[in-house]
Amino acid sequence: MPEGDTVYRTATKLRDALQGKELTRCDVRVPKFATVDLTGCVVDEVLSRGKHLFIRVGGASIHSHLKMDGAWLIGGQIRRVPEHKIRILLHTSDSRAAGVDLGVLEFLQRDRDMEAVAHLGPDLLGEDWEPRVARANLVADPERPLAEALLDQRVMAGVGNVYANELCFVTGYLPTAAVGDVKDPLRMVQRARDMLWLNRSRINRTTTGDTRSGRDLWVYGRRGKPCRRCGTPIASDSSGDRVSYWCPVCQR
């Protein structure tokens, strides 16, 4: 699933392609909104909130969530996907954008669109980021498994499974450790912010500081490979909703 940094970059490329321009085509391929046509309206704003995207056009707001497989493609990228995967097409005089396999696509009233994300915690890449609020949200249930809490968008918006596993490693806790065992939860949420912020403009995400393929992550996707710190084989568990990765020695 795309994480907060990916959605942030998606908003940036949509902003570059559409913002301030009049739509010359608006083709919606979701039955509930198939009759909506914003052709002739100007795209005023594109913004992200956690893993959610909003394209504000006239009195409407196009709300999308990428979920597991969704993407927004620009220009020539659109030719690479089959037509049946496209959920929406937006054209201007000099650009094209397509929403592909979007997990959520709906049209909201522009002045009420933020109600759709009112349940989210502070946005790790947003102007509303407030680490002390995120900390309070994180420790609200001390018995909760740490990785599960980090993935809860009501705690803080933007962490996905890659960052949840990497955060557990760099702070030295098992994904299954109780939140109450974390000695410095404020430092943990600030570390989450740092990770996403440093990767917000990178295509090649890294948590190790090395963007080279195979060296970019500490534990995620590295089952059986040696820990970068101690050499112990990385363990994993796929029995739950998400796959967890950890070092049996470096994490407690």
Protein backbone atom coordinates (compact mmCIF):
# COMPACT_ATOMS: atom_id res chain seq x y z
CA MET A 1 0.00 0.00 0.00
CA PRO A 2 1.37 3.46 -0.85
CA GLU A 3 2.44 5.32 2.26
CA GLY A 4 2.26 8.99 3.20
CA ASP A 5 5.39 10.01 1.32
CA THR A 6 4.13 8.39 -1.89
CA VAL A 7 0.78 10.16 -1.61
CA TYR A 8 2.57 13.46 -0.92
CA ARG A 9 4.62 13.06 -4.13
CA THR A 10 1.47 12.11 -6.04
CA ALA A 11 -0.19 15.35 -4.90
CA THR A 12 2.87 17.27 -6.07
CA LYS A 13 2.81 15.80 -9.58
CA LEU A 14 -0.96 16.32 -9.86
CA ARG A 15 -0.49 19.91 -8.73
CA ASP A 16 2.15 20.48 -11.39
CA ALA A 17 -0.04 18.95 -14.09
CA LEU A 18 -3.45 20.38 -13.21
CA GLN A 19 -3.47 23.27 -10.77
CA GLY A 20 -4.59 26.60 -12.19
CA LYS A 21 -5.75 25.00 -15.44
CA GLU A 22 -9.19 24.55 -16.97
CA LEU A 23 -10.40 21.00 -17.48
CA THR A 24 -11.08 20.16 -21.13
CA ARG A 25 -12.23 16.65 -20.26
CA CYS A 26 -13.62 15.00 -17.12
CA ASP A 27 -14.44 11.33 -17.68
CA VAL A 28 -15.55 9.50 -14.53
CA ARG A 29 -15.80 5.73 -14.76
CA VAL A 30 -17.37 4.95 -11.40
CA PRO A 31 -21.11 4.24 -11.71
CA LYS A 32 -22.20 6.40 -8.77
CA PHE A 33 -20.49 9.48 -10.23
CA ALA A 34 -20.52 8.65 -13.94
CA THR A 35 -22.71 11.67 -14.77
CA VAL A 36 -20.40 14.17 -13.05
CA ASP A 37 -18.69 16.44 -15.57
CA LEU A 38 -16.39 19.24 -14.43
CA THR A 39 -15.28 20.18 -17.94
CA GLY A 40 -14.76 23.94 -18.14
CA CYS A 41 -13.96 24.28 -14.43
CA VAL A 42 -10.53 25.31 -13.15
CA VAL A 43 -8.51 23.10 -10.82
CA ASP A 44 -7.88 25.39 -7.87
CA GLU A 45 -5.96 23.16 -5.50
CA VAL A 46 -4.47 19.70 -5.01
CA LEU A 47 -3.64 18.52 -1.52
CA SER A 48 -2.84 15.38 0.43
CA ARG A 49 -3.92 14.45 3.93
CA GLY A 50 -2.19 11.32 5.21
CA LYS A 51 -2.95 8.74 2.52
CA HIS A 52 -5.86 10.71 1.05
CA LEU A 53 -5.84 13.00 -2.00
CA PHE A 54 -8.14 15.92 -2.81
CA ILE A 55 -8.43 17.74 -6.13
CA ARG A 56 -10.55 20.86 -5.65
CA VAL A 57 -12.37 21.96 -8.80
CA GLY A 58 -15.06 24.64 -8.69
CA GLY A 59 -17.51 23.70 -5.94
CA ALA A 60 -16.42 20.05 -5.92
CA SER A 61 -13.58 18.10 -4.39
CA ILE A 62 -12.41 14.86 -6.00
CA HIS A 63 -11.44 12.62 -3.09
CA SER A 64 -9.33 9.54 -3.75
CA HIS A 65 -7.45 6.92 -1.75
CA LEU A 66 -4.94 4.66 -3.46
CA LYS A 67 -5.47 1.68 -1.11
CA MET A 68 -3.27 -1.27 -2.16
CA ASP A 69 -2.89 -0.90 -5.92
CA GLY A 70 -4.08 2.57 -6.89
CA ALA A 71 -2.10 5.28 -8.65
CA TRP A 72 -2.45 8.60 -10.43
CA LEU A 73 -0.57 8.65 -13.73
CA ILE A 74 0.42 11.68 -15.81
CA GLY A 75 0.82 12.08 -19.57
CA GLY A 76 2.52 9.22 -21.40
CA GLN A 77 2.36 6.99 -18.31
CA ILE A 78 -1.36 6.51 -19.00
CA ARG A 79 -0.68 4.47 -22.14
CA ARG A 80 0.95 1.78 -20.03
CA VAL A 81 -2.28 0.65 -18.33
CA PRO A 82 -5.36 -1.11 -19.75
CA GLU A 83 -8.42 1.11 -20.24
CA HIS A 84 -10.54 -0.96 -17.85
CA LYS A 85 -8.28 -0.02 -14.94
CA ILE A 86 -8.83 3.72 -15.38
CA ARG A 87 -11.40 5.16 -12.95
CA ILE A 88 -11.15 8.81 -13.95
CA LEU A 89 -9.54 10.91 -16.68
CA LEU A 90 -8.80 14.62 -16.27
CA HIS A 91 -7.46 16.59 -19.24
CA THR A 92 -6.34 20.18 -19.66
CA SER A 93 -5.08 21.84 -22.82
CA ASP A 94 -1.55 20.60 -22.16
CA SER A 95 -1.74 17.77 -19.64
CA ARG A 96 -3.54 14.54 -18.77
CA ALA A 97 -4.06 12.71 -15.49
CA ALA A 98 -5.63 9.31 -14.87
CA GLY A 99 -6.68 7.68 -11.63
CA VAL A 100 -5.99 3.95 -11.93
CA ASP A 101 -7.39 1.18 -9.67
CA LEU A 102 -8.25 3.74 -7.02
CA GLY A 103 -9.50 2.20 -3.80
CA VAL A 104 -11.74 5.22 -3.17
CA LEU A 105 -13.03 7.74 -5.69
CA GLU A 106 -15.83 10.10 -4.77
CA PHE A 107 -16.97 13.66 -5.34
CA LEU A 108 -17.54 15.77 -2.24
CA GLN A 109 -18.73 19.28 -1.56
CA ARG A 110 -15.59 21.35 -1.57
CA ASP A 111 -16.41 23.25 1.62
CA ARG A 112 -16.96 19.99 3.51
CA ASP A 113 -14.32 17.69 2.02
CA MET A 114 -12.15 17.60 5.12
CA GLU A 115 -14.95 15.85 6.99
CA ALA A 116 -13.83 12.70 5.15
CA VAL A 117 -10.51 12.78 7.02
CA ALA A 118 -11.60 14.33 10.31
CA HIS A 119 -10.89 11.03 12.08
CA LEU A 120 -7.19 11.08 11.18
CA GLY A 121 -4.43 11.94 13.60
CA PRO A 122 -1.84 14.64 12.84
CA ASP A 123 -0.52 14.45 9.28
CA LEU A 124 3.17 13.55 9.33
CA LEU A 125 3.75 15.67 6.21
CA GLY A 126 1.10 18.31 6.83
CA GLU A 127 1.03 21.78 8.29
CA ASP A 128 -1.02 20.43 11.19
CA TRP A 129 1.75 18.08 12.36
CA GLU A 130 1.85 18.17 16.15
CA PRO A 131 4.13 15.57 17.77
CA ARG A 132 2.63 15.88 21.25
CA VAL A 133 -0.84 15.09 19.94
CA ALA A 134 0.56 12.11 18.03
CA ARG A 135 2.33 10.94 21.20
CA ALA A 136 -0.87 11.17 23.23
CA ASN A 137 -2.73 9.19 20.56
CA LEU A 138 0.00 6.54 20.48
CA VAL A 139 0.04 5.89 24.24
CA ALA A 140 -3.74 5.98 24.66
CA ASP A 141 -3.83 2.15 24.68
CA PRO A 142 -0.65 0.92 26.44
CA GLU A 143 -1.44 -2.76 25.82
CA ARG A 144 -1.75 -2.40 22.08
CA PRO A 145 0.98 -3.99 19.88
CA LEU A 146 3.33 -1.27 18.70
CA ALA A 147 3.21 -1.96 14.93
CA GLU A 148 -0.59 -2.09 15.03
CA ALA A 149 -0.72 1.30 16.77
CA LEU A 150 1.75 2.85 14.31
CA LEU A 151 -0.42 1.69 11.40
CA ASP A 152 -3.56 3.25 12.90
CA GLN A 153 -4.14 6.45 10.93
CA ARG A 154 -6.08 7.86 13.88
CA VAL A 155 -2.80 7.97 15.79
CA MET A 156 -0.88 9.83 13.07
CA ALA A 157 -1.57 9.90 9.36
CA GLY A 158 0.91 8.54 6.85
CA VAL A 159 2.65 5.48 8.32
CA GLY A 160 2.27 2.27 6.31
CA ASN A 161 3.71 -1.19 6.78
CA VAL A 162 7.20 -0.36 5.51
CA TYR A 163 7.63 2.53 7.93
CA ALA A 164 5.98 0.66 10.82
CA ASN A 165 8.55 -2.14 10.55
CA GLU A 166 11.46 0.22 10.03
CA LEU A 167 10.43 2.40 12.98
CA CYS A 168 10.27 -0.64 15.24
CA PHE A 169 13.79 -1.60 14.18
CA VAL A 170 15.47 1.78 14.55
CA THR A 171 13.91 2.28 17.99
CA GLY A 172 14.79 -1.26 19.10
CA TYR A 173 11.34 -2.71 19.73
CA LEU A 174 9.64 -5.81 18.37
CA PRO A 175 6.53 -5.10 16.26
CA THR A 176 4.57 -7.07 18.86
CA ALA A 177 5.91 -5.11 21.84
CA ALA A 178 3.27 -3.30 23.85
CA VAL A 179 3.05 0.45 23.31
CA GLY A 180 3.45 0.84 27.06
CA ASP A 181 6.96 -0.63 26.81
CA VAL A 182 8.18 2.27 24.65
CA LYS A 183 10.33 4.46 26.89
CA ASP A 184 10.20 7.60 24.75
CA PRO A 185 7.03 7.66 22.62
CA LEU A 186 7.57 11.33 21.72
CA ARG A 187 10.92 10.45 20.17
CA MET A 188 9.24 7.63 18.25
CA VAL A 189 6.61 9.84 16.62
CA GLN A 190 9.24 12.46 15.83
CA ARG A 191 11.35 9.72 14.21
CA ALA A 192 8.33 8.77 12.10
CA ARG A 193 8.03 12.36 10.96
CA ASP A 194 11.75 12.51 10.12
CA MET A 195 11.58 9.33 8.03
CA LEU A 196 8.65 10.47 5.92
CA TRP A 197 9.88 14.05 5.62
CA LEU A 198 13.29 13.00 4.31
CA ASN A 199 11.64 10.70 1.74
CA ARG A 200 8.84 13.02 0.62
CA SER A 201 10.64 13.96 -2.62
CA ARG A 202 12.51 10.70 -3.25
CA ILE A 203 11.37 8.00 -5.62
CA ASN A 204 13.85 5.60 -4.01
CA ARG A 205 12.73 5.53 -0.39
CA THR A 206 15.44 4.89 2.21
CA THR A 207 15.52 4.53 5.98
CA THR A 208 19.20 3.58 6.17
CA GLY A 209 20.44 6.69 4.39
CA ASP A 210 21.64 4.63 1.41
CA THR A 211 19.39 4.82 -1.67
CA ARG A 212 21.15 2.00 -3.53
CA SER A 213 18.97 -1.02 -4.31
CA GLY A 214 19.27 -3.64 -1.58
CA ARG A 215 20.74 -1.19 0.91
CA ASP A 216 17.83 1.16 1.42
CA LEU A 217 15.89 -0.56 4.24
CA TRP A 218 16.87 -2.08 7.58
CA VAL A 219 14.47 -5.03 7.86
CA TYR A 220 11.41 -4.70 5.62
CA GLY A 221 11.36 -7.39 2.91
CA ARG A 222 14.68 -8.84 4.13
CA ARG A 223 13.56 -12.14 5.65
CA GLY A 224 16.52 -14.49 6.14
CA LYS A 225 19.06 -11.85 5.19
CA PRO A 226 21.64 -10.70 7.75
CA CYS A 227 20.79 -7.80 10.01
CA ARG A 228 22.79 -4.76 8.95
CA ARG A 229 23.85 -4.20 12.57
CA CYS A 230 24.52 -7.63 14.09
CA GLY A 231 24.36 -10.13 11.21
CA THR A 232 21.51 -12.21 12.67
CA PRO A 233 19.03 -13.42 10.01
CA ILE A 234 15.96 -11.20 9.82
CA ALA A 235 12.78 -12.93 10.98
CA SER A 236 9.27 -12.39 9.67
CA ASP A 237 5.67 -13.30 10.36
CA SER A 238 2.91 -13.27 7.75
CA SER A 239 0.15 -14.77 9.87
CA GLY A 240 -1.62 -11.45 10.47
CA ASP A 241 -3.07 -8.80 8.17
CA ARG A 242 0.41 -7.38 7.53
CA VAL A 243 3.82 -8.99 7.24
CA SER A 244 6.19 -8.12 10.08
CA TYR A 245 9.99 -8.13 9.91
CA TRP A 246 12.45 -7.81 12.76
CA CYS A 247 15.91 -8.66 14.06
CA PRO A 248 15.68 -11.18 16.93
CA VAL A 249 18.78 -9.68 18.58
CA CYS A 250 18.51 -5.92 17.99
CA GLN A 251 14.82 -5.66 18.89
CA ARG A 252 13.23 -6.52 22.21
